[in-house]
Amino acid sequence: MLRWFKTLISRSLIAAALLAAAGPASAQDATLPPGMRFSAIRVDVGPLLARGLGPYAENVRGELQTALAKTFADRVGGPGPTLVVRVTGVSLNPYAGSETRFSGGNATNTDYLEGEALVVDRAGTVLLRHPQLSATNASSGGAWYDPASEGRRVTYISEHYAAWLKRGLGLN
């Protein structure tokens, strides 16, 4: 029964992906001109704050702001639009060693950072919207029992998100 359920879910996800790919092109699919520069980069964690994640949300903001500044260092400065990255979700697996590779594990060994990048002009008009979901291995922070592991995982997934965002916007 479990195998049938996994197959059904897998086929549903594939069908949804094909439908999304078959849809009309939109501003979400656009990339930026190769020489695009931003006047600033901001991280918005409002959706996380609204869920009562206060200090944790601020930690995510700090890590992602640092990662974006480093990744987009060659793209900041001048009168261009602002890059706003809105974080809509963060999920860190509570136990990084819970998945087994070959015995049909429960596939909970993944951390996620979800959000969207908005390119906003000086008048506040959204020129481009780019949704993105990053997934990394929960073991990226080292041993699960190390108290510093969770912080390293947030740093790692922030760097992953920033790198893939630059690529997704066509700015590599």
N, C-alpha and C. Protein backbone atom coordinates (compact mmCIF):
# COMPACT_ATOMS: atom_id res chain seq x y z
N MET A 1 0.82 -1.20 0.00
CA MET A 1 0.00 0.00 0.00
C MET A 1 0.86 1.26 0.00
N LEU A 2 1.93 1.25 0.81
CA LEU A 2 2.82 2.40 0.89
C LEU A 2 3.49 2.66 -0.45
N ARG A 3 3.93 1.60 -1.14
CA ARG A 3 4.57 1.76 -2.44
C ARG A 3 3.59 2.37 -3.44
N TRP A 4 2.32 1.95 -3.42
CA TRP A 4 1.30 2.50 -4.31
C TRP A 4 1.12 3.99 -4.02
N PHE A 5 1.08 4.36 -2.74
CA PHE A 5 0.88 5.76 -2.35
C PHE A 5 2.06 6.62 -2.84
N LYS A 6 3.30 6.12 -2.66
CA LYS A 6 4.48 6.86 -3.12
C LYS A 6 4.44 7.04 -4.64
N THR A 7 4.02 6.01 -5.36
CA THR A 7 3.93 6.10 -6.81
C THR A 7 2.88 7.13 -7.22
N LEU A 8 1.74 7.14 -6.54
CA LEU A 8 0.68 8.09 -6.83
C LEU A 8 1.16 9.52 -6.59
N ILE A 9 1.81 9.74 -5.47
CA ILE A 9 2.33 11.08 -5.16
C ILE A 9 3.36 11.49 -6.20
N SER A 10 4.26 10.59 -6.54
CA SER A 10 5.30 10.88 -7.53
C SER A 10 4.68 11.26 -8.88
N ARG A 11 3.70 10.49 -9.31
CA ARG A 11 3.05 10.79 -10.59
C ARG A 11 2.30 12.11 -10.53
N SER A 12 1.69 12.42 -9.39
CA SER A 12 0.97 13.69 -9.24
C SER A 12 1.94 14.86 -9.33
N LEU A 13 3.11 14.73 -8.70
CA LEU A 13 4.10 15.80 -8.75
C LEU A 13 4.63 15.99 -10.17
N ILE A 14 4.85 14.90 -10.87
CA ILE A 14 5.32 14.99 -12.26
C ILE A 14 4.26 15.66 -13.13
N ALA A 15 3.02 15.29 -12.95
CA ALA A 15 1.93 15.90 -13.73
C ALA A 15 1.83 17.40 -13.45
N ALA A 16 1.94 17.78 -12.19
CA ALA A 16 1.89 19.19 -11.83
C ALA A 16 3.05 19.96 -12.45
N ALA A 17 4.24 19.37 -12.45
CA ALA A 17 5.41 20.02 -13.05
C ALA A 17 5.22 20.20 -14.55
N LEU A 18 4.66 19.18 -15.22
CA LEU A 18 4.43 19.27 -16.66
C LEU A 18 3.40 20.34 -16.99
N LEU A 19 2.36 20.43 -16.18
CA LEU A 19 1.34 21.46 -16.40
C LEU A 19 1.95 22.84 -16.22
N ALA A 20 2.77 22.99 -15.20
CA ALA A 20 3.40 24.29 -14.95
C ALA A 20 4.32 24.65 -16.11
N ALA A 21 5.05 23.67 -16.63
CA ALA A 21 5.98 23.93 -17.73
C ALA A 21 5.24 24.26 -19.02
N ALA A 22 4.04 23.71 -19.18
CA ALA A 22 3.29 23.92 -20.40
C ALA A 22 2.56 25.26 -20.41
N GLY A 23 2.49 25.93 -19.26
CA GLY A 23 1.77 27.20 -19.17
C GLY A 23 2.46 28.29 -19.97
N PRO A 24 1.76 29.42 -20.16
CA PRO A 24 2.33 30.51 -20.93
C PRO A 24 3.50 31.15 -20.19
N ALA A 25 4.43 31.72 -20.95
CA ALA A 25 5.56 32.42 -20.35
C ALA A 25 5.04 33.64 -19.61
N SER A 26 5.66 33.98 -18.51
CA SER A 26 5.23 35.13 -17.74
C SER A 26 6.46 35.87 -17.25
N ALA A 27 6.23 36.94 -16.49
CA ALA A 27 7.35 37.70 -15.93
C ALA A 27 8.17 36.81 -15.01
N GLN A 28 7.57 35.78 -14.45
CA GLN A 28 8.30 34.87 -13.58
C GLN A 28 9.38 34.12 -14.34
N ASP A 29 9.17 33.91 -15.62
CA ASP A 29 10.10 33.14 -16.42
C ASP A 29 11.23 34.00 -16.99
N ALA A 30 11.10 35.31 -16.84
CA ALA A 30 12.07 36.22 -17.44
C ALA A 30 13.39 36.21 -16.67
N THR A 31 14.43 36.54 -17.37
CA THR A 31 15.72 36.75 -16.72
C THR A 31 16.08 38.21 -16.93
N LEU A 32 17.09 38.65 -16.23
CA LEU A 32 17.50 40.04 -16.29
C LEU A 32 18.56 40.24 -17.35
N PRO A 33 18.73 41.48 -17.81
CA PRO A 33 19.81 41.75 -18.77
C PRO A 33 21.16 41.38 -18.15
N PRO A 34 22.09 40.88 -18.93
CA PRO A 34 23.37 40.41 -18.39
C PRO A 34 24.13 41.44 -17.55
N GLY A 35 24.02 42.71 -17.86
CA GLY A 35 24.75 43.73 -17.12
C GLY A 35 23.99 44.35 -15.96
N MET A 36 22.85 43.77 -15.60
CA MET A 36 21.99 44.36 -14.56
C MET A 36 22.75 44.56 -13.26
N ARG A 37 22.54 45.76 -12.67
CA ARG A 37 23.09 46.08 -11.36
C ARG A 37 21.93 46.53 -10.48
N PHE A 38 22.05 46.27 -9.20
CA PHE A 38 21.02 46.65 -8.23
C PHE A 38 21.53 47.79 -7.36
N SER A 39 20.62 48.66 -6.99
CA SER A 39 21.01 49.75 -6.08
C SER A 39 21.15 49.22 -4.66
N ALA A 40 20.41 48.17 -4.34
CA ALA A 40 20.46 47.58 -3.00
C ALA A 40 19.85 46.19 -3.03
N ILE A 41 20.14 45.42 -1.97
CA ILE A 41 19.53 44.11 -1.79
C ILE A 41 18.94 44.09 -0.39
N ARG A 42 17.67 43.70 -0.31
CA ARG A 42 16.99 43.61 0.99
C ARG A 42 16.40 42.22 1.16
N VAL A 43 16.34 41.76 2.40
CA VAL A 43 15.70 40.49 2.72
C VAL A 43 14.48 40.79 3.57
N ASP A 44 13.33 40.30 3.15
CA ASP A 44 12.06 40.50 3.86
C ASP A 44 11.66 39.17 4.50
N VAL A 45 11.62 39.14 5.82
CA VAL A 45 11.19 37.93 6.53
C VAL A 45 9.83 38.16 7.19
N GLY A 46 9.06 39.11 6.67
CA GLY A 46 7.74 39.42 7.21
C GLY A 46 6.85 38.20 7.37
N PRO A 47 6.78 37.29 6.37
CA PRO A 47 5.95 36.10 6.53
C PRO A 47 6.37 35.23 7.72
N LEU A 48 7.66 35.17 7.99
CA LEU A 48 8.14 34.39 9.14
C LEU A 48 7.80 35.11 10.45
N LEU A 49 7.96 36.42 10.46
CA LEU A 49 7.62 37.20 11.66
C LEU A 49 6.13 37.08 11.97
N ALA A 50 5.31 37.05 10.92
CA ALA A 50 3.86 36.92 11.11
C ALA A 50 3.49 35.59 11.75
N ARG A 51 4.35 34.60 11.61
CA ARG A 51 4.11 33.29 12.23
C ARG A 51 4.70 33.21 13.63
N GLY A 52 5.22 34.33 14.13
CA GLY A 52 5.75 34.36 15.48
C GLY A 52 7.16 33.80 15.61
N LEU A 53 7.95 33.84 14.53
CA LEU A 53 9.29 33.27 14.55
C LEU A 53 10.37 34.30 14.88
N GLY A 54 10.00 35.45 15.40
CA GLY A 54 10.85 36.56 15.80
C GLY A 54 12.35 36.40 15.66
N PRO A 55 13.06 36.02 16.73
CA PRO A 55 14.53 35.94 16.68
C PRO A 55 15.03 34.95 15.62
N TYR A 56 14.33 33.86 15.41
CA TYR A 56 14.74 32.90 14.39
C TYR A 56 14.66 33.53 13.00
N ALA A 57 13.56 34.26 12.74
CA ALA A 57 13.39 34.95 11.46
C ALA A 57 14.50 35.97 11.25
N GLU A 58 14.86 36.67 12.30
CA GLU A 58 15.93 37.67 12.19
C GLU A 58 17.27 37.00 11.90
N ASN A 59 17.49 35.82 12.47
CA ASN A 59 18.71 35.06 12.17
C ASN A 59 18.74 34.65 10.70
N VAL A 60 17.61 34.18 10.19
CA VAL A 60 17.52 33.81 8.77
C VAL A 60 17.79 35.04 7.91
N ARG A 61 17.19 36.18 8.29
CA ARG A 61 17.42 37.41 7.53
C ARG A 61 18.92 37.74 7.48
N GLY A 62 19.58 37.69 8.62
CA GLY A 62 21.00 38.03 8.68
C GLY A 62 21.85 37.10 7.83
N GLU A 63 21.60 35.80 7.93
CA GLU A 63 22.38 34.83 7.14
C GLU A 63 22.15 35.00 5.65
N LEU A 64 20.87 35.19 5.26
CA LEU A 64 20.57 35.34 3.84
C LEU A 64 21.09 36.67 3.31
N GLN A 65 21.00 37.73 4.10
CA GLN A 65 21.52 39.04 3.68
C GLN A 65 23.03 38.94 3.42
N THR A 66 23.74 38.25 4.31
CA THR A 66 25.18 38.06 4.15
C THR A 66 25.49 37.25 2.89
N ALA A 67 24.75 36.17 2.68
CA ALA A 67 24.97 35.31 1.51
C ALA A 67 24.67 36.06 0.21
N LEU A 68 23.59 36.84 0.20
CA LEU A 68 23.24 37.60 -1.00
C LEU A 68 24.28 38.68 -1.29
N ALA A 69 24.74 39.36 -0.24
CA ALA A 69 25.75 40.41 -0.43
C ALA A 69 27.02 39.83 -1.04
N LYS A 70 27.41 38.66 -0.57
CA LYS A 70 28.61 38.01 -1.09
C LYS A 70 28.40 37.54 -2.53
N THR A 71 27.29 36.87 -2.79
CA THR A 71 27.01 36.31 -4.11
C THR A 71 26.79 37.38 -5.17
N PHE A 72 26.13 38.48 -4.80
CA PHE A 72 25.80 39.54 -5.75
C PHE A 72 26.75 40.74 -5.62
N ALA A 73 27.90 40.57 -5.00
CA ALA A 73 28.83 41.69 -4.77
C ALA A 73 29.18 42.42 -6.07
N ASP A 74 29.28 41.69 -7.15
CA ASP A 74 29.62 42.31 -8.43
C ASP A 74 28.41 42.94 -9.12
N ARG A 75 27.25 42.88 -8.49
CA ARG A 75 26.02 43.38 -9.10
C ARG A 75 25.35 44.49 -8.29
N VAL A 76 26.01 45.00 -7.27
CA VAL A 76 25.41 46.03 -6.41
C VAL A 76 26.17 47.33 -6.55
N GLY A 77 25.41 48.41 -6.68
CA GLY A 77 25.99 49.74 -6.79
C GLY A 77 25.45 50.45 -8.00
N GLY A 78 25.03 51.68 -7.80
CA GLY A 78 24.49 52.46 -8.91
C GLY A 78 23.00 52.68 -8.75
N PRO A 79 22.39 53.24 -9.79
CA PRO A 79 20.98 53.65 -9.70
C PRO A 79 19.96 52.59 -10.08
N GLY A 80 20.32 51.35 -10.16
CA GLY A 80 19.41 50.30 -10.62
C GLY A 80 18.27 50.02 -9.65
N PRO A 81 17.45 49.03 -9.99
CA PRO A 81 16.34 48.64 -9.11
C PRO A 81 16.87 47.93 -7.86
N THR A 82 15.98 47.69 -6.92
CA THR A 82 16.32 46.98 -5.69
C THR A 82 15.93 45.52 -5.83
N LEU A 83 16.79 44.64 -5.34
CA LEU A 83 16.47 43.21 -5.28
C LEU A 83 15.94 42.94 -3.88
N VAL A 84 14.69 42.52 -3.80
CA VAL A 84 14.06 42.18 -2.52
C VAL A 84 13.81 40.69 -2.52
N VAL A 85 14.36 40.00 -1.52
CA VAL A 85 14.13 38.57 -1.39
C VAL A 85 13.20 38.36 -0.20
N ARG A 86 12.00 37.89 -0.48
CA ARG A 86 10.99 37.63 0.55
C ARG A 86 11.03 36.16 0.91
N VAL A 87 11.35 35.87 2.17
CA VAL A 87 11.39 34.49 2.65
C VAL A 87 10.00 34.12 3.13
N THR A 88 9.44 33.08 2.54
CA THR A 88 8.09 32.65 2.91
C THR A 88 8.07 31.39 3.75
N GLY A 89 9.18 30.67 3.79
CA GLY A 89 9.22 29.45 4.59
C GLY A 89 10.62 28.92 4.79
N VAL A 90 10.85 28.36 5.96
CA VAL A 90 12.10 27.68 6.28
C VAL A 90 11.72 26.41 7.01
N SER A 91 12.31 25.31 6.60
CA SER A 91 12.04 24.04 7.26
C SER A 91 13.37 23.31 7.46
N LEU A 92 13.76 23.14 8.71
CA LEU A 92 14.95 22.38 9.03
C LEU A 92 14.51 21.09 9.70
N ASN A 93 14.96 19.99 9.15
CA ASN A 93 14.62 18.69 9.69
C ASN A 93 15.12 18.58 11.13
N PRO A 94 14.30 18.11 12.07
CA PRO A 94 14.74 18.06 13.46
C PRO A 94 15.80 17.00 13.76
N TYR A 95 15.98 16.05 12.89
CA TYR A 95 16.97 15.01 13.14
C TYR A 95 17.65 14.65 11.84
N ALA A 96 18.89 15.06 11.69
CA ALA A 96 19.58 14.94 10.40
C ALA A 96 19.98 13.51 10.05
N GLY A 97 19.91 12.57 10.96
CA GLY A 97 20.33 11.22 10.63
C GLY A 97 19.18 10.26 10.45
N SER A 98 17.98 10.77 10.17
CA SER A 98 16.79 9.92 10.17
C SER A 98 16.54 9.17 8.87
N GLU A 99 17.20 9.51 7.80
CA GLU A 99 16.92 8.85 6.53
C GLU A 99 17.92 7.73 6.28
N THR A 100 17.41 6.62 5.82
CA THR A 100 18.30 5.54 5.41
C THR A 100 18.26 5.46 3.89
N ARG A 101 19.40 5.28 3.30
CA ARG A 101 19.51 5.36 1.85
C ARG A 101 18.81 4.23 1.10
N PHE A 102 18.98 2.99 1.53
CA PHE A 102 18.49 1.88 0.72
C PHE A 102 17.32 1.11 1.33
N SER A 103 16.91 1.44 2.52
CA SER A 103 15.84 0.64 3.14
C SER A 103 14.50 1.36 3.15
N GLY A 104 14.27 2.22 2.17
CA GLY A 104 12.97 2.90 2.08
C GLY A 104 12.78 3.90 3.20
N GLY A 105 13.79 4.70 3.49
CA GLY A 105 13.74 5.68 4.57
C GLY A 105 12.60 6.66 4.41
N ASN A 106 12.43 7.49 5.41
CA ASN A 106 11.28 8.39 5.43
C ASN A 106 11.55 9.72 4.73
N ALA A 107 12.69 9.89 4.10
CA ALA A 107 13.00 11.05 3.27
C ALA A 107 12.83 12.37 4.03
N THR A 108 13.21 12.41 5.28
CA THR A 108 13.10 13.64 6.06
C THR A 108 14.47 14.27 6.27
N ASN A 109 15.41 13.93 5.45
CA ASN A 109 16.78 14.40 5.62
C ASN A 109 17.06 15.63 4.76
N THR A 110 16.07 16.50 4.59
CA THR A 110 16.21 17.66 3.72
C THR A 110 15.77 18.93 4.43
N ASP A 111 16.55 19.99 4.26
CA ASP A 111 16.18 21.32 4.74
C ASP A 111 15.67 22.12 3.54
N TYR A 112 14.74 23.04 3.79
CA TYR A 112 14.16 23.85 2.72
C TYR A 112 14.17 25.32 3.08
N LEU A 113 14.40 26.15 2.08
CA LEU A 113 14.26 27.61 2.20
C LEU A 113 13.44 28.04 0.99
N GLU A 114 12.30 28.63 1.25
CA GLU A 114 11.39 29.00 0.19
C GLU A 114 11.15 30.50 0.20
N GLY A 115 11.06 31.07 -0.98
CA GLY A 115 10.80 32.50 -1.06
C GLY A 115 10.64 32.94 -2.50
N GLU A 116 10.73 34.26 -2.67
CA GLU A 116 10.67 34.81 -4.01
C GLU A 116 11.52 36.06 -4.05
N ALA A 117 12.13 36.26 -5.19
CA ALA A 117 12.93 37.47 -5.42
C ALA A 117 12.06 38.43 -6.22
N LEU A 118 12.08 39.67 -5.80
CA LEU A 118 11.35 40.71 -6.50
C LEU A 118 12.36 41.77 -6.94
N VAL A 119 12.32 42.13 -8.19
CA VAL A 119 13.13 43.24 -8.68
C VAL A 119 12.17 44.43 -8.73
N VAL A 120 12.47 45.44 -7.91
CA VAL A 120 11.54 46.55 -7.70
C VAL A 120 12.21 47.86 -8.11
N ASP A 121 11.52 48.65 -8.94
CA ASP A 121 12.09 49.93 -9.34
C ASP A 121 11.86 50.99 -8.27
N ARG A 122 12.37 52.18 -8.48
CA ARG A 122 12.28 53.26 -7.48
C ARG A 122 10.84 53.66 -7.16
N ALA A 123 9.93 53.45 -8.09
CA ALA A 123 8.52 53.80 -7.87
C ALA A 123 7.78 52.69 -7.12
N GLY A 124 8.45 51.57 -6.86
CA GLY A 124 7.81 50.47 -6.15
C GLY A 124 7.14 49.45 -7.06
N THR A 125 7.33 49.60 -8.36
CA THR A 125 6.75 48.66 -9.31
C THR A 125 7.61 47.40 -9.38
N VAL A 126 6.94 46.25 -9.28
CA VAL A 126 7.65 44.97 -9.38
C VAL A 126 7.91 44.69 -10.86
N LEU A 127 9.19 44.68 -11.22
CA LEU A 127 9.58 44.45 -12.61
C LEU A 127 9.69 42.97 -12.92
N LEU A 128 10.06 42.18 -11.91
CA LEU A 128 10.24 40.75 -12.11
C LEU A 128 10.00 40.04 -10.78
N ARG A 129 9.35 38.91 -10.87
CA ARG A 129 9.08 38.07 -9.69
C ARG A 129 9.64 36.68 -10.00
N HIS A 130 10.51 36.20 -9.11
CA HIS A 130 11.15 34.90 -9.34
C HIS A 130 11.00 34.03 -8.09
N PRO A 131 10.02 33.10 -8.08
CA PRO A 131 9.87 32.20 -6.92
C PRO A 131 10.99 31.17 -6.92
N GLN A 132 11.39 30.74 -5.73
CA GLN A 132 12.46 29.75 -5.64
C GLN A 132 12.34 28.94 -4.36
N LEU A 133 12.66 27.66 -4.49
CA LEU A 133 12.73 26.75 -3.35
C LEU A 133 14.10 26.09 -3.38
N SER A 134 14.84 26.24 -2.30
CA SER A 134 16.14 25.57 -2.19
C SER A 134 16.00 24.40 -1.23
N ALA A 135 16.61 23.30 -1.58
CA ALA A 135 16.61 22.11 -0.74
C ALA A 135 18.04 21.63 -0.59
N THR A 136 18.46 21.43 0.65
CA THR A 136 19.81 20.94 0.92
C THR A 136 19.74 19.79 1.90
N ASN A 137 20.80 19.03 1.97
CA ASN A 137 20.86 17.90 2.89
C ASN A 137 20.96 18.42 4.32
N ALA A 138 20.15 17.88 5.20
CA ALA A 138 20.12 18.32 6.59
C ALA A 138 21.43 18.06 7.31
N SER A 139 22.26 17.24 6.77
CA SER A 139 23.56 16.98 7.41
C SER A 139 24.59 18.05 7.06
N SER A 140 24.20 19.08 6.32
CA SER A 140 25.14 20.12 5.90
C SER A 140 25.75 20.87 7.07
N GLY A 141 25.14 20.81 8.23
CA GLY A 141 25.66 21.50 9.40
C GLY A 141 26.56 20.65 10.26
N GLY A 142 26.82 19.44 9.82
CA GLY A 142 27.66 18.54 10.60
C GLY A 142 26.81 17.64 11.48
N ALA A 143 27.41 17.12 12.51
CA ALA A 143 26.74 16.16 13.39
C ALA A 143 25.48 16.76 14.00
N TRP A 144 24.39 16.02 13.95
CA TRP A 144 23.09 16.52 14.41
C TRP A 144 23.09 16.87 15.88
N TYR A 145 23.94 16.25 16.67
CA TYR A 145 23.95 16.48 18.11
C TYR A 145 24.80 17.68 18.51
N ASP A 146 25.52 18.27 17.57
CA ASP A 146 26.32 19.46 17.84
C ASP A 146 25.38 20.66 17.94
N PRO A 147 25.39 21.41 19.04
CA PRO A 147 24.49 22.56 19.19
C PRO A 147 24.66 23.62 18.10
N ALA A 148 25.82 23.70 17.49
CA ALA A 148 26.06 24.70 16.44
C ALA A 148 25.59 24.23 15.07
N SER A 149 25.14 23.00 14.96
CA SER A 149 24.74 22.43 13.68
C SER A 149 23.62 23.22 13.01
N GLU A 150 22.60 23.59 13.76
CA GLU A 150 21.47 24.29 13.16
C GLU A 150 21.89 25.62 12.56
N GLY A 151 22.76 26.35 13.23
CA GLY A 151 23.25 27.61 12.69
C GLY A 151 24.02 27.42 11.40
N ARG A 152 24.84 26.38 11.34
CA ARG A 152 25.58 26.10 10.12
C ARG A 152 24.64 25.69 8.99
N ARG A 153 23.56 25.00 9.33
CA ARG A 153 22.58 24.61 8.31
C ARG A 153 21.89 25.83 7.71
N VAL A 154 21.56 26.80 8.56
CA VAL A 154 20.93 28.04 8.06
C VAL A 154 21.91 28.79 7.16
N THR A 155 23.17 28.84 7.56
CA THR A 155 24.19 29.50 6.74
C THR A 155 24.30 28.79 5.39
N TYR A 156 24.39 27.47 5.41
CA TYR A 156 24.58 26.69 4.19
C TYR A 156 23.39 26.85 3.23
N ILE A 157 22.18 26.75 3.75
CA ILE A 157 21.03 26.85 2.85
C ILE A 157 20.86 28.28 2.34
N SER A 158 21.28 29.27 3.11
CA SER A 158 21.24 30.66 2.65
C SER A 158 22.21 30.86 1.49
N GLU A 159 23.41 30.30 1.62
CA GLU A 159 24.39 30.39 0.54
C GLU A 159 23.91 29.65 -0.71
N HIS A 160 23.30 28.51 -0.51
CA HIS A 160 22.75 27.73 -1.62
C HIS A 160 21.66 28.53 -2.33
N TYR A 161 20.76 29.12 -1.56
CA TYR A 161 19.66 29.91 -2.11
C TYR A 161 20.21 31.08 -2.93
N ALA A 162 21.18 31.80 -2.37
CA ALA A 162 21.74 32.97 -3.05
C ALA A 162 22.41 32.58 -4.37
N ALA A 163 23.19 31.50 -4.34
CA ALA A 163 23.88 31.07 -5.56
C ALA A 163 22.90 30.68 -6.65
N TRP A 164 21.87 29.93 -6.29
CA TRP A 164 20.88 29.51 -7.29
C TRP A 164 20.01 30.67 -7.74
N LEU A 165 19.81 31.66 -6.88
CA LEU A 165 19.04 32.83 -7.28
C LEU A 165 19.78 33.60 -8.37
N LYS A 166 21.07 33.80 -8.18
CA LYS A 166 21.85 34.53 -9.19
C LYS A 166 21.76 33.80 -10.52
N ARG A 167 21.87 32.48 -10.46
CA ARG A 167 21.76 31.68 -11.69
C ARG A 167 20.35 31.77 -12.28
N GLY A 168 19.34 31.67 -11.42
CA GLY A 168 17.95 31.72 -11.88
C GLY A 168 17.57 33.05 -12.51
N LEU A 169 18.23 34.12 -12.08
CA LEU A 169 17.97 35.43 -12.66
C LEU A 169 18.80 35.66 -13.92
N GLY A 170 19.63 34.69 -14.28
CA GLY A 170 20.43 34.80 -15.50
C GLY A 170 21.63 35.73 -15.34
N LEU A 171 22.15 35.87 -14.13
CA LEU A 171 23.23 36.81 -13.87
C LEU A 171 24.58 36.17 -13.64
N ASN A 172 24.75 34.93 -14.00
CA ASN A 172 26.05 34.25 -13.83
C ASN A 172 27.04 34.71 -14.84
